[in-house]
Amino acid sequence: MNRTEFVIVTALVLFVAFGLGWFTHWLIHRFTRIRQQDLSELDRMAQDLHEAELIRDQAIEYVETRERDLTTRLKQSEAELAAAMEGLREARAHAEHLRAQLEGEAR
């Protein structure tokens, strides 16, 4: 193999390597590129997710507030019930005492 043949073979090998590299780059770029439509769809989905998270946070805050209010009302109702039951006990005891006095006077 003389010098001219060596240069031609080397040039062909380098050209084929360049062609394969370019084709590989084009193929990878073709399969991995992101279209503008996909980006706008991702932006819309991100915005929808953000809005959903805000709504969820507001709902959680509302539920927690409502739960605190209901717990407070329940405790107040329980306190009122306990006071009413105590008053009823005292009224029954007083009524029993008065009946006992009336029965004692009637005899």
Protein backbone atom coordinates (compact mmCIF):
# COMPACT_ATOMS: atom_id res chain seq x y z
CA MET A 1 0.00 0.00 0.00
CA ASN A 2 1.60 3.24 -1.09
CA ARG A 3 1.21 6.64 0.43
CA THR A 4 -1.67 7.77 -1.85
CA GLU A 5 -3.76 4.70 -1.11
CA PHE A 6 -3.11 5.13 2.61
CA VAL A 7 -4.30 8.76 2.48
CA ILE A 8 -7.42 7.80 0.50
CA VAL A 9 -8.29 4.90 2.87
CA THR A 10 -7.68 7.12 5.90
CA ALA A 11 -9.85 9.86 4.38
CA LEU A 12 -12.64 7.35 3.68
CA VAL A 13 -12.47 5.94 7.20
CA LEU A 14 -12.59 9.43 8.71
CA PHE A 15 -15.48 10.41 6.41
CA VAL A 16 -17.43 7.26 7.36
CA ALA A 17 -16.72 7.93 11.07
CA PHE A 18 -17.89 11.54 10.62
CA GLY A 19 -21.03 10.34 8.80
CA LEU A 20 -21.83 7.77 11.52
CA GLY A 21 -21.25 10.36 14.24
CA TRP A 22 -23.47 12.89 12.53
CA PHE A 23 -26.20 10.29 11.91
CA THR A 24 -26.02 9.15 15.54
CA HIS A 25 -26.26 12.76 16.75
CA TRP A 26 -29.24 13.42 14.47
CA LEU A 27 -30.96 10.22 15.63
CA ILE A 28 -30.46 11.00 19.32
CA HIS A 29 -31.58 14.60 18.81
CA ARG A 30 -34.66 13.41 16.93
CA PHE A 31 -35.78 11.10 19.74
CA THR A 32 -34.89 13.29 22.70
CA ARG A 33 -35.97 16.75 21.59
CA ILE A 34 -38.88 18.37 23.37
CA ARG A 35 -41.53 19.99 21.25
CA GLN A 36 -42.93 23.41 22.09
CA GLN A 37 -46.37 21.84 22.44
CA ASP A 38 -45.01 19.49 25.08
CA LEU A 39 -43.44 22.39 26.96
CA SER A 40 -46.67 24.37 26.96
CA GLU A 41 -48.53 21.28 28.15
CA LEU A 42 -45.99 20.81 30.96
CA ASP A 43 -46.38 24.47 31.94
CA ARG A 44 -50.16 24.09 32.02
CA MET A 45 -49.91 20.93 34.10
CA ALA A 46 -47.52 22.65 36.52
CA GLN A 47 -49.94 25.57 36.88
CA ASP A 48 -52.87 23.18 37.46
CA LEU A 49 -50.84 21.32 40.07
CA HIS A 50 -49.96 24.57 41.82
CA GLU A 51 -53.61 25.64 41.90
CA ALA A 52 -54.65 22.22 43.20
CA GLU A 53 -52.07 22.46 46.00
CA LEU A 54 -53.37 25.92 46.96
CA ILE A 55 -56.95 24.65 47.03
CA ARG A 56 -55.86 21.64 49.11
CA ASP A 57 -54.05 23.91 51.59
CA GLN A 58 -57.13 26.14 51.88
CA ALA A 59 -59.34 23.09 52.43
CA ILE A 60 -57.02 21.75 55.13
CA GLU A 61 -56.98 25.15 56.83
CA TYR A 62 -60.79 25.35 56.69
CA VAL A 63 -61.17 21.84 58.12
CA GLU A 64 -58.73 22.57 60.93
CA THR A 65 -60.51 25.84 61.77
CA ARG A 66 -63.89 24.14 61.67
CA GLU A 67 -62.61 21.31 63.85
CA ARG A 68 -61.28 23.80 66.44
CA ASP A 69 -64.61 25.63 66.47
CA LEU A 70 -66.59 22.43 66.85
CA THR A 71 -64.27 21.19 69.59
CA THR A 72 -64.73 24.46 71.45
CA ARG A 73 -68.51 24.27 71.08
CA LEU A 74 -68.49 20.65 72.23
CA LYS A 75 -66.48 21.51 75.34
CA GLN A 76 -68.85 24.40 76.10
CA SER A 77 -71.85 22.11 75.65
CA GLU A 78 -70.29 19.49 77.90
CA ALA A 79 -69.62 22.15 80.56
CA GLU A 80 -73.21 23.40 80.30
CA LEU A 81 -74.49 19.82 80.52
CA ALA A 82 -72.38 19.16 83.61
CA ALA A 83 -73.68 22.37 85.22
CA ALA A 84 -77.27 21.49 84.33
CA MET A 85 -76.87 17.96 85.71
CA GLU A 86 -75.40 19.32 88.93
CA GLY A 87 -78.28 21.79 89.23
CA LEU A 88 -80.76 18.99 88.59
CA ARG A 89 -79.13 16.85 91.29
CA GLU A 90 -79.34 19.73 93.74
CA ALA A 91 -82.98 20.39 92.79
CA ARG A 92 -83.87 16.71 93.28
CA ALA A 93 -82.09 16.64 96.60
CA HIS A 94 -83.91 19.79 97.68
CA ALA A 95 -87.25 18.36 96.47
CA GLU A 96 -86.59 15.15 98.43
CA HIS A 97 -85.74 17.20 101.48
CA LEU A 98 -88.97 19.22 101.13
CA ARG A 99 -91.04 16.01 100.62
CA ALA A 100 -89.47 14.53 103.70
CA GLN A 101 -90.38 17.66 105.67
CA LEU A 102 -93.95 17.62 104.33
CA GLU A 103 -94.39 13.95 105.14
CA GLY A 104 -92.97 14.58 108.58
CA GLU A 105 -95.42 17.41 109.22
CA ALA A 106 -98.34 15.44 107.78
CA ARG A 107 -97.86 12.64 110.29
